[in-house]
PDB file of N, CA and C in Angstrom:
ATOM      1  N   MET A   1      -3.930  34.142  20.488  1.00  0.00           N
ATOM      2  CA  MET A   1      -3.308  32.856  20.273  1.00  0.00           C
ATOM      3  C   MET A   1      -2.719  32.305  21.565  1.00  0.00           C
ATOM      4  N   VAL A   2      -2.016  33.132  22.303  1.00  0.00           N
ATOM      5  CA  VAL A   2      -1.413  32.692  23.562  1.00  0.00           C
ATOM      6  C   VAL A   2      -2.494  32.207  24.515  1.00  0.00           C
ATOM      7  N   ASP A   3      -3.636  32.892  24.550  1.00  0.00           N
ATOM      8  CA  ASP A   3      -4.733  32.487  25.430  1.00  0.00           C
ATOM      9  C   ASP A   3      -5.249  31.100  25.083  1.00  0.00           C
ATOM     10  N   VAL A   4      -5.342  30.790  23.787  1.00  0.00           N
ATOM     11  CA  VAL A   4      -5.838  29.486  23.353  1.00  0.00           C
ATOM     12  C   VAL A   4      -4.864  28.390  23.771  1.00  0.00           C
ATOM     13  N   VAL A   5      -3.581  28.617  23.578  1.00  0.00           N
ATOM     14  CA  VAL A   5      -2.568  27.623  23.955  1.00  0.00           C
ATOM     15  C   VAL A   5      -2.551  27.446  25.473  1.00  0.00           C
ATOM     16  N   PHE A   6      -2.617  28.535  26.218  1.00  0.00           N
ATOM     17  CA  PHE A   6      -2.665  28.451  27.677  1.00  0.00           C
ATOM     18  C   PHE A   6      -3.892  27.672  28.129  1.00  0.00           C
ATOM     19  N   THR A   7      -5.029  27.945  27.491  1.00  0.00           N
ATOM     20  CA  THR A   7      -6.267  27.234  27.840  1.00  0.00           C
ATOM     21  C   THR A   7      -6.109  25.742  27.593  1.00  0.00           C
ATOM     22  N   LEU A   8      -5.527  25.365  26.446  1.00  0.00           N
ATOM     23  CA  LEU A   8      -5.320  23.950  26.160  1.00  0.00           C
ATOM     24  C   LEU A   8      -4.422  23.318  27.212  1.00  0.00           C
ATOM     25  N   GLN A   9      -3.331  23.982  27.578  1.00  0.00           N
ATOM     26  CA  GLN A   9      -2.434  23.436  28.588  1.00  0.00           C
ATOM     27  C   GLN A   9      -3.167  23.237  29.912  1.00  0.00           C
ATOM     28  N   TRP A  10      -3.965  24.210  30.304  1.00  0.00           N
ATOM     29  CA  TRP A  10      -4.721  24.117  31.556  1.00  0.00           C
ATOM     30  C   TRP A  10      -5.742  22.983  31.496  1.00  0.00           C
ATOM     31  N   VAL A  11      -6.461  22.881  30.388  1.00  0.00           N
ATOM     32  CA  VAL A  11      -7.480  21.830  30.245  1.00  0.00           C
ATOM     33  C   VAL A  11      -6.826  20.459  30.292  1.00  0.00           C
ATOM     34  N   ILE A  12      -5.699  20.300  29.626  1.00  0.00           N
ATOM     35  CA  ILE A  12      -4.995  19.012  29.649  1.00  0.00           C
ATOM     36  C   ILE A  12      -4.530  18.687  31.068  1.00  0.00           C
ATOM     37  N   ASP A  13      -3.945  19.673  31.741  1.00  0.00           N
ATOM     38  CA  ASP A  13      -3.471  19.449  33.104  1.00  0.00           C
ATOM     39  C   ASP A  13      -4.604  19.043  34.033  1.00  0.00           C
ATOM     40  N   MET A  14      -5.765  19.651  33.856  1.00  0.00           N
ATOM     41  CA  MET A  14      -6.897  19.401  34.749  1.00  0.00           C
ATOM     42  C   MET A  14      -7.691  18.155  34.365  1.00  0.00           C
ATOM     43  N   ASN A  15      -7.679  17.776  33.084  1.00  0.00           N
ATOM     44  CA  ASN A  15      -8.552  16.707  32.602  1.00  0.00           C
ATOM     45  C   ASN A  15      -7.805  15.577  31.905  1.00  0.00           C
ATOM     46  N   TRP A  16      -6.513  15.478  32.101  1.00  0.00           N
ATOM     47  CA  TRP A  16      -5.736  14.500  31.352  1.00  0.00           C
ATOM     48  C   TRP A  16      -6.261  13.080  31.530  1.00  0.00           C
ATOM     49  N   HIS A  17      -6.762  12.784  32.687  1.00  0.00           N
ATOM     50  CA  HIS A  17      -7.216  11.424  32.985  1.00  0.00           C
ATOM     51  C   HIS A  17      -8.572  11.108  32.377  1.00  0.00           C
ATOM     52  N   THR A  18      -9.276  12.106  31.855  1.00  0.00           N
ATOM     53  CA  THR A  18     -10.612  11.869  31.304  1.00  0.00           C
ATOM     54  C   THR A  18     -10.642  11.961  29.787  1.00  0.00           C
ATOM     55  N   THR A  19      -9.494  12.109  29.138  1.00  0.00           N
ATOM     56  CA  THR A  19      -9.508  12.267  27.696  1.00  0.00           C
ATOM     57  C   THR A  19      -9.967  10.981  27.038  1.00  0.00           C
ATOM     58  N   LYS A  20     -10.718  11.155  25.974  1.00  0.00           N
ATOM     59  CA  LYS A  20     -11.307  10.014  25.285  1.00  0.00           C
ATOM     60  C   LYS A  20     -10.454   9.579  24.102  1.00  0.00           C
ATOM     61  N   GLU A  21     -10.568   8.300  23.795  1.00  0.00           N
ATOM     62  CA  GLU A  21      -9.862   7.755  22.646  1.00  0.00           C
ATOM     63  C   GLU A  21     -10.673   7.987  21.379  1.00  0.00           C
ATOM     64  N   PHE A  22      -9.982   7.947  20.239  1.00  0.00           N
ATOM     65  CA  PHE A  22     -10.633   8.011  18.941  1.00  0.00           C
ATOM     66  C   PHE A  22      -9.831   7.145  17.982  1.00  0.00           C
ATOM     67  N   THR A  23     -10.241   7.082  16.731  1.00  0.00           N
ATOM     68  CA  THR A  23      -9.528   6.266  15.758  1.00  0.00           C
ATOM     69  C   THR A  23      -8.080   6.737  15.682  1.00  0.00           C
ATOM     70  N   PRO A  24      -7.122   5.874  15.980  1.00  0.00           N
ATOM     71  CA  PRO A  24      -5.714   6.270  16.059  1.00  0.00           C
ATOM     72  C   PRO A  24      -5.146   6.756  14.728  1.00  0.00           C
ATOM     73  N   LEU A  25      -4.073   7.515  14.825  1.00  0.00           N
ATOM     74  CA  LEU A  25      -3.318   7.946  13.668  1.00  0.00           C
ATOM     75  C   LEU A  25      -1.876   8.155  14.078  1.00  0.00           C
ATOM     76  N   MET A  26      -1.023   8.332  13.089  1.00  0.00           N
ATOM     77  CA  MET A  26       0.401   8.592  13.356  1.00  0.00           C
ATOM     78  C   MET A  26       0.833   9.810  12.561  1.00  0.00           C
ATOM     79  N   LEU A  27       1.721  10.591  13.142  1.00  0.00           N
ATOM     80  CA  LEU A  27       2.345  11.707  12.448  1.00  0.00           C
ATOM     81  C   LEU A  27       3.805  11.352  12.218  1.00  0.00           C
ATOM     82  N   VAL A  28       4.313  11.709  11.051  1.00  0.00           N
ATOM     83  CA  VAL A  28       5.727  11.513  10.761  1.00  0.00           C
ATOM     84  C   VAL A  28       6.362  12.898  10.793  1.00  0.00           C
ATOM     85  N   MET A  29       7.095  13.177  11.855  1.00  0.00           N
ATOM     86  CA  MET A  29       7.680  14.489  12.060  1.00  0.00           C
ATOM     87  C   MET A  29       8.956  14.654  11.223  1.00  0.00           C
ATOM     88  N   ALA A  30       9.413  15.895  11.098  1.00  0.00           N
ATOM     89  CA  ALA A  30      10.578  16.209  10.264  1.00  0.00           C
ATOM     90  C   ALA A  30      11.828  15.443  10.675  1.00  0.00           C
ATOM     91  N   ASN A  31      11.961  15.143  11.958  1.00  0.00           N
ATOM     92  CA  ASN A  31      13.139  14.405  12.430  1.00  0.00           C
ATOM     93  C   ASN A  31      12.962  12.892  12.283  1.00  0.00           C
ATOM     94  N   SER A  32      11.931  12.501  11.532  1.00  0.00           N
ATOM     95  CA  SER A  32      11.612  11.099  11.227  1.00  0.00           C
ATOM     96  C   SER A  32      10.991  10.343  12.386  1.00  0.00           C
ATOM     97  N   ASP A  33      10.721  11.013  13.486  1.00  0.00           N
ATOM     98  CA  ASP A  33      10.015  10.354  14.579  1.00  0.00           C
ATOM     99  C   ASP A  33       8.554  10.171  14.188  1.00  0.00           C
ATOM    100  N   ALA A  34       8.014   9.024  14.508  1.00  0.00           N
ATOM    101  CA  ALA A  34       6.590   8.762  14.280  1.00  0.00           C
ATOM    102  C   ALA A  34       5.887   8.873  15.628  1.00  0.00           C
ATOM    103  N   LEU A  35       4.891   9.734  15.686  1.00  0.00           N
ATOM    104  CA  LEU A  35       4.147   9.941  16.929  1.00  0.00           C
ATOM    105  C   LEU A  35       2.783   9.293  16.819  1.00  0.00           C
ATOM    106  N   LYS A  36       2.480   8.381  17.732  1.00  0.00           N
ATOM    107  CA  LYS A  36       1.166   7.743  17.750  1.00  0.00           C
ATOM    108  C   LYS A  36       0.189   8.640  18.502  1.00  0.00           C
ATOM    109  N   ILE A  37      -0.974   8.843  17.905  1.00  0.00           N
ATOM    110  CA  ILE A  37      -2.000   9.699  18.481  1.00  0.00           C
ATOM    111  C   ILE A  37      -3.239   8.838  18.686  1.00  0.00           C
ATOM    112  N   ARG A  38      -3.611   8.639  19.962  1.00  0.00           N
ATOM    113  CA  ARG A  38      -4.759   7.780  20.279  1.00  0.00           C
ATOM    114  C   ARG A  38      -5.836   8.484  21.100  1.00  0.00           C
ATOM    115  N   THR A  39      -5.453   9.562  21.775  1.00  0.00           N
ATOM    116  CA  THR A  39      -6.392  10.224  22.680  1.00  0.00           C
ATOM    117  C   THR A  39      -6.326  11.741  22.502  1.00  0.00           C
ATOM    118  N   LEU A  40      -7.277  12.418  23.078  1.00  0.00           N
ATOM    119  CA  LEU A  40      -7.253  13.876  23.067  1.00  0.00           C
ATOM    120  C   LEU A  40      -6.035  14.403  23.812  1.00  0.00           C
ATOM    121  N   TYR A  41      -5.626  13.707  24.842  1.00  0.00           N
ATOM    122  CA  TYR A  41      -4.403  14.083  25.552  1.00  0.00           C
ATOM    123  C   TYR A  41      -3.217  14.081  24.587  1.00  0.00           C
ATOM    124  N   ASP A  42      -3.118  13.033  23.753  1.00  0.00           N
ATOM    125  CA  ASP A  42      -2.036  12.959  22.769  1.00  0.00           C
ATOM    126  C   ASP A  42      -2.091  14.135  21.803  1.00  0.00           C
ATOM    127  N   VAL A  43      -3.295  14.472  21.336  1.00  0.00           N
ATOM    128  CA  VAL A  43      -3.460  15.606  20.423  1.00  0.00           C
ATOM    129  C   VAL A  43      -2.938  16.879  21.080  1.00  0.00           C
ATOM    130  N   GLY A  44      -3.378  17.137  22.290  1.00  0.00           N
ATOM    131  CA  GLY A  44      -2.955  18.337  22.996  1.00  0.00           C
ATOM    132  C   GLY A  44      -1.465  18.380  23.235  1.00  0.00           C
ATOM    133  N   ARG A  45      -0.902  17.260  23.640  1.00  0.00           N
ATOM    134  CA  ARG A  45       0.540  17.185  23.903  1.00  0.00           C
ATOM    135  C   ARG A  45       1.333  17.482  22.640  1.00  0.00           C
ATOM    136  N   VAL A  46       0.935  16.891  21.529  1.00  0.00           N
ATOM    137  CA  VAL A  46       1.655  17.119  20.273  1.00  0.00           C
ATOM    138  C   VAL A  46       1.504  18.567  19.815  1.00  0.00           C
ATOM    139  N   LEU A  47       0.297  19.111  19.906  1.00  0.00           N
ATOM    140  CA  LEU A  47       0.089  20.511  19.503  1.00  0.00           C
ATOM    141  C   LEU A  47       0.936  21.464  20.340  1.00  0.00           C
ATOM    142  N   LEU A  48       1.083  21.186  21.619  1.00  0.00           N
ATOM    143  CA  LEU A  48       1.823  22.082  22.502  1.00  0.00           C
ATOM    144  C   LEU A  48       3.332  21.852  22.508  1.00  0.00           C
ATOM    145  N   GLU A  49       3.756  20.613  22.337  1.00  0.00           N
ATOM    146  CA  GLU A  49       5.170  20.301  22.515  1.00  0.00           C
ATOM    147  C   GLU A  49       5.957  20.033  21.238  1.00  0.00           C
ATOM    148  N   PHE A  50       5.280  19.579  20.194  1.00  0.00           N
ATOM    149  CA  PHE A  50       6.010  19.122  19.012  1.00  0.00           C
ATOM    150  C   PHE A  50       5.670  19.861  17.726  1.00  0.00           C
ATOM    151  N   TRP A  51       4.699  20.760  17.755  1.00  0.00           N
ATOM    152  CA  TRP A  51       4.226  21.380  16.518  1.00  0.00           C
ATOM    153  C   TRP A  51       5.256  22.355  15.968  1.00  0.00           C
ATOM    154  N   PRO A  52       5.564  22.240  14.656  1.00  0.00           N
ATOM    155  CA  PRO A  52       6.613  23.083  14.079  1.00  0.00           C
ATOM    156  C   PRO A  52       6.190  24.531  13.803  1.00  0.00           C
ATOM    157  N   ASP A  53       4.894  24.779  13.623  1.00  0.00           N
ATOM    158  CA  ASP A  53       4.440  26.116  13.244  1.00  0.00           C
ATOM    159  C   ASP A  53       3.132  26.432  13.952  1.00  0.00           C
ATOM    160  N   GLU A  54       3.206  27.337  14.909  1.00  0.00           N
ATOM    161  CA  GLU A  54       2.017  27.662  15.715  1.00  0.00           C
ATOM    162  C   GLU A  54       1.265  28.871  15.177  1.00  0.00           C
ATOM    163  N   ASP A  55       1.552  29.294  13.946  1.00  0.00           N
ATOM    164  CA  ASP A  55       0.905  30.470  13.382  1.00  0.00           C
ATOM    165  C   ASP A  55      -0.217  30.151  12.407  1.00  0.00           C
ATOM    166  N   GLY A  56      -0.400  28.905  12.065  1.00  0.00           N
ATOM    167  CA  GLY A  56      -1.407  28.544  11.072  1.00  0.00           C
ATOM    168  C   GLY A  56      -2.826  28.645  11.603  1.00  0.00           C
ATOM    169  N   GLU A  57      -3.746  29.002  10.707  1.00  0.00           N
ATOM    170  CA  GLU A  57      -5.168  29.072  11.080  1.00  0.00           C
ATOM    171  C   GLU A  57      -5.703  27.716  11.515  1.00  0.00           C
ATOM    172  N   LYS A  58      -5.308  26.677  10.804  1.00  0.00           N
ATOM    173  CA  LYS A  58      -5.808  25.342  11.138  1.00  0.00           C
ATOM    174  C   LYS A  58      -5.210  24.829  12.443  1.00  0.00           C
ATOM    175  N   TYR A  59      -4.013  25.281  12.771  1.00  0.00           N
ATOM    176  CA  TYR A  59      -3.426  24.951  14.073  1.00  0.00           C
ATOM    177  C   TYR A  59      -4.297  25.517  15.190  1.00  0.00           C
ATOM    178  N   VAL A  60      -4.676  26.785  15.050  1.00  0.00           N
ATOM    179  CA  VAL A  60      -5.513  27.428  16.067  1.00  0.00           C
ATOM    180  C   VAL A  60      -6.857  26.711  16.183  1.00  0.00           C
ATOM    181  N   VAL A  61      -7.441  26.346  15.049  1.00  0.00           N
ATOM    182  CA  VAL A  61      -8.708  25.606  15.066  1.00  0.00           C
ATOM    183  C   VAL A  61      -8.525  24.262  15.771  1.00  0.00           C
ATOM    184  N   ALA A  62      -7.418  23.573  15.509  1.00  0.00           N
ATOM    185  CA  ALA A  62      -7.154  22.279  16.152  1.00  0.00           C
ATOM    186  C   ALA A  62      -7.018  22.431  17.661  1.00  0.00           C
ATOM    187  N   VAL A  63      -6.327  23.471  18.105  1.00  0.00           N
ATOM    188  CA  VAL A  63      -6.180  23.716  19.543  1.00  0.00           C
ATOM    189  C   VAL A  63      -7.551  23.966  20.171  1.00  0.00           C
ATOM    190  N   LYS A  64      -8.343  24.847  19.559  1.00  0.00           N
ATOM    191  CA  LYS A  64      -9.677  25.160  20.095  1.00  0.00           C
ATOM    192  C   LYS A  64     -10.571  23.926  20.108  1.00  0.00           C
ATOM    193  N   THR A  65     -10.529  23.143  19.038  1.00  0.00           N
ATOM    194  CA  THR A  65     -11.369  21.951  18.955  1.00  0.00           C
ATOM    195  C   THR A  65     -10.943  20.905  19.971  1.00  0.00           C
ATOM    196  N   CYS A  66      -9.654  20.801  20.231  1.00  0.00           N
ATOM    197  CA  CYS A  66      -9.171  19.874  21.251  1.00  0.00           C
ATOM    198  C   CYS A  66      -9.709  20.273  22.626  1.00  0.00           C
ATOM    199  N   VAL A  67      -9.642  21.558  22.938  1.00  0.00           N
ATOM    200  CA  VAL A  67     -10.196  22.046  24.212  1.00  0.00           C
ATOM    201  C   VAL A  67     -11.683  21.719  24.291  1.00  0.00           C
ATOM    202  N   GLU A  68     -12.410  22.002  23.221  1.00  0.00           N
ATOM    203  CA  GLU A  68     -13.857  21.750  23.207  1.00  0.00           C
ATOM    204  C   GLU A  68     -14.171  20.268  23.361  1.00  0.00           C
ATOM    205  N   ALA A  69     -13.371  19.406  22.750  1.00  0.00           N
ATOM    206  CA  ALA A  69     -13.615  17.964  22.871  1.00  0.00           C
ATOM    207  C   ALA A  69     -13.321  17.463  24.277  1.00  0.00           C
ATOM    208  N   ILE A  70     -12.255  17.965  24.886  1.00  0.00           N
ATOM    209  CA  ILE A  70     -11.924  17.550  26.256  1.00  0.00           C
ATOM    210  C   ILE A  70     -13.009  17.997  27.224  1.00  0.00           C
ATOM    211  N   THR A  71     -13.565  19.182  26.992  1.00  0.00           N
ATOM    212  CA  THR A  71     -14.599  19.701  27.894  1.00  0.00           C
ATOM    213  C   THR A  71     -16.003  19.236  27.519  1.00  0.00           C
ATOM    214  N   GLY A  72     -16.126  18.416  26.469  1.00  0.00           N
ATOM    215  CA  GLY A  72     -17.416  17.838  26.107  1.00  0.00           C
ATOM    216  C   GLY A  72     -18.275  18.690  25.193  1.00  0.00           C
ATOM    217  N   GLU A  73     -17.739  19.772  24.652  1.00  0.00           N
ATOM    218  CA  GLU A  73     -18.514  20.644  23.772  1.00  0.00           C
ATOM    219  C   GLU A  73     -18.574  20.130  22.340  1.00  0.00           C
ATOM    220  N   THR A  74     -17.678  19.247  21.969  1.00  0.00           N
ATOM    221  CA  THR A  74     -17.679  18.615  20.652  1.00  0.00           C
ATOM    222  C   THR A  74     -17.134  17.200  20.813  1.00  0.00           C
ATOM    223  N   THR A  75     -17.067  16.454  19.731  1.00  0.00           N
ATOM    224  CA  THR A  75     -16.656  15.049  19.828  1.00  0.00           C
ATOM    225  C   THR A  75     -15.147  14.885  19.635  1.00  0.00           C
ATOM    226  N   PRO A  76     -14.594  13.798  20.155  1.00  0.00           N
ATOM    227  CA  PRO A  76     -13.185  13.498  19.897  1.00  0.00           C
ATOM    228  C   PRO A  76     -12.892  13.362  18.401  1.00  0.00           C
ATOM    229  N   GLU A  77     -13.829  12.832  17.626  1.00  0.00           N
ATOM    230  CA  GLU A  77     -13.614  12.694  16.184  1.00  0.00           C
ATOM    231  C   GLU A  77     -13.520  14.056  15.505  1.00  0.00           C
ATOM    232  N   ASP A  78     -14.270  15.063  15.995  1.00  0.00           N
ATOM    233  CA  ASP A  78     -14.128  16.422  15.454  1.00  0.00           C
ATOM    234  C   ASP A  78     -12.720  16.944  15.716  1.00  0.00           C
ATOM    235  N   ALA A  79     -12.202  16.681  16.903  1.00  0.00           N
ATOM    236  CA  ALA A  79     -10.837  17.107  17.239  1.00  0.00           C
ATOM    237  C   ALA A  79      -9.825  16.384  16.363  1.00  0.00           C
ATOM    238  N   ARG A  80     -10.072  15.123  16.107  1.00  0.00           N
ATOM    239  CA  ARG A  80      -9.178  14.333  15.242  1.00  0.00           C
ATOM    240  C   ARG A  80      -9.133  14.936  13.841  1.00  0.00           C
ATOM    241  N   ARG A  81     -10.315  15.271  13.294  1.00  0.00           N
ATOM    242  CA  ARG A  81     -10.370  15.861  11.950  1.00  0.00           C
ATOM    243  C   ARG A  81      -9.635  17.213  11.906  1.00  0.00           C
ATOM    244  N   ALA A  82      -9.847  18.041  12.922  1.00  0.00           N
ATOM    245  CA  ALA A  82      -9.170  19.347  12.972  1.00  0.00           C
ATOM    246  C   ALA A  82      -7.656  19.158  13.080  1.00  0.00           C
ATOM    247  N   PHE A  83      -7.242  18.154  13.833  1.00  0.00           N
ATOM    248  CA  PHE A  83      -5.825  17.850  13.998  1.00  0.00           C
ATOM    249  C   PHE A  83      -5.202  17.419  12.668  1.00  0.00           C
ATOM    250  N   ILE A  84      -5.906  16.588  11.922  1.00  0.00           N
ATOM    251  CA  ILE A  84      -5.429  16.141  10.615  1.00  0.00           C
ATOM    252  C   ILE A  84      -5.324  17.325   9.656  1.00  0.00           C
ATOM    253  N   ASP A  85      -6.314  18.212   9.689  1.00  0.00           N
ATOM    254  CA  ASP A  85      -6.265  19.417   8.847  1.00  0.00           C
ATOM    255  C   ASP A  85      -5.056  20.282   9.198  1.00  0.00           C
ATOM    256  N   ALA A  86      -4.789  20.441  10.486  1.00  0.00           N
ATOM    257  CA  ALA A  86      -3.637  21.237  10.926  1.00  0.00           C
ATOM    258  C   ALA A  86      -2.332  20.585  10.484  1.00  0.00           C
ATOM    259  N   ALA A  87      -2.281  19.263  10.529  1.00  0.00           N
ATOM    260  CA  ALA A  87      -1.082  18.560  10.073  1.00  0.00           C
ATOM    261  C   ALA A  87      -0.854  18.817   8.589  1.00  0.00           C
ATOM    262  N   GLY A  88      -1.926  18.798   7.805  1.00  0.00           N
ATOM    263  CA  GLY A  88      -1.805  19.100   6.380  1.00  0.00           C
ATOM    264  C   GLY A  88      -1.276  20.510   6.152  1.00  0.00           C
ATOM    265  N   GLU A  89      -1.800  21.455   6.911  1.00  0.00           N
ATOM    266  CA  GLU A  89      -1.345  22.840   6.812  1.00  0.00           C
ATOM    267  C   GLU A  89       0.148  22.968   7.125  1.00  0.00           C
ATOM    268  N   ALA A  90       0.625  22.178   8.069  1.00  0.00           N
ATOM    269  CA  ALA A  90       2.030  22.224   8.493  1.00  0.00           C
ATOM    270  C   ALA A  90       2.918  21.263   7.699  1.00  0.00           C
ATOM    271  N   ASN A  91       2.339  20.628   6.668  1.00  0.00           N
ATOM    272  CA  ASN A  91       3.075  19.659   5.836  1.00  0.00           C
ATOM    273  C   ASN A  91       3.646  18.501   6.642  1.00  0.00           C
ATOM    274  N   ILE A  92       2.867  18.037   7.607  1.00  0.00           N
ATOM    275  CA  ILE A  92       3.254  16.875   8.412  1.00  0.00           C
ATOM    276  C   ILE A  92       2.487  15.670   7.881  1.00  0.00           C
ATOM    277  N   PRO A  93       3.186  14.645   7.387  1.00  0.00           N
ATOM    278  CA  PRO A  93       2.491  13.460   6.893  1.00  0.00           C
ATOM    279  C   PRO A  93       1.709  12.762   8.008  1.00  0.00           C
ATOM    280  N   VAL A  94       0.495  12.333   7.661  1.00  0.00           N
ATOM    281  CA  VAL A  94      -0.375  11.630   8.599  1.00  0.00           C
ATOM    282  C   VAL A  94      -0.644  10.245   8.067  1.00  0.00           C
ATOM    283  N   ILE A  95      -0.504   9.272   8.933  1.00  0.00           N
ATOM    284  CA  ILE A  95      -0.865   7.890   8.595  1.00  0.00           C
ATOM    285  C   ILE A  95      -2.111   7.567   9.408  1.00  0.00           C
ATOM    286  N   THR A  96      -3.202   7.371   8.719  1.00  0.00           N
ATOM    287  CA  THR A  96      -4.428   7.037   9.441  1.00  0.00           C
ATOM    288  C   THR A  96      -4.501   5.540   9.624  1.00  0.00           C
ATOM    289  N   ILE A  97      -5.059   5.133  10.720  1.00  0.00           N
ATOM    290  CA  ILE A  97      -5.187   3.733  11.061  1.00  0.00           C
ATOM    291  C   ILE A  97      -6.660   3.377  11.002  1.00  0.00           C
ATOM    292  N   VAL A  98      -6.983   2.337  10.263  1.00  0.00           N
ATOM    293  CA  VAL A  98      -8.363   1.918  10.106  1.00  0.00           C
ATOM    294  C   VAL A  98      -8.650   0.817  11.103  1.00  0.00           C
ATOM    295  N   ARG A  99      -9.741   0.971  11.821  1.00  0.00           N
ATOM    296  CA  ARG A  99     -10.131  -0.065  12.784  1.00  0.00           C
ATOM    297  C   ARG A  99     -11.030  -1.071  12.138  1.00  0.00           C
TER     298      ARG A  99
END
């Protein structure tokens, strides 16, 4: 698990300027803050800095999928879906935005 999180941090640090946008969404965190998520960078930042529970299976999948999307191995929309699944696992409300 630590290796996956470290890898995500490294990938974000090295590729932050190349992250792609996807259909936006918002998370409503326990402290009532609403976080807007528009890019893979946003996904990675939230997973690393704001996530309440880093032990969930879907959290790990979201981290791995984010790394894969940033490095071009999968699509940003796949990372978005994994992120939404992880939010559900962590009981974080998600507001999806329709374009």
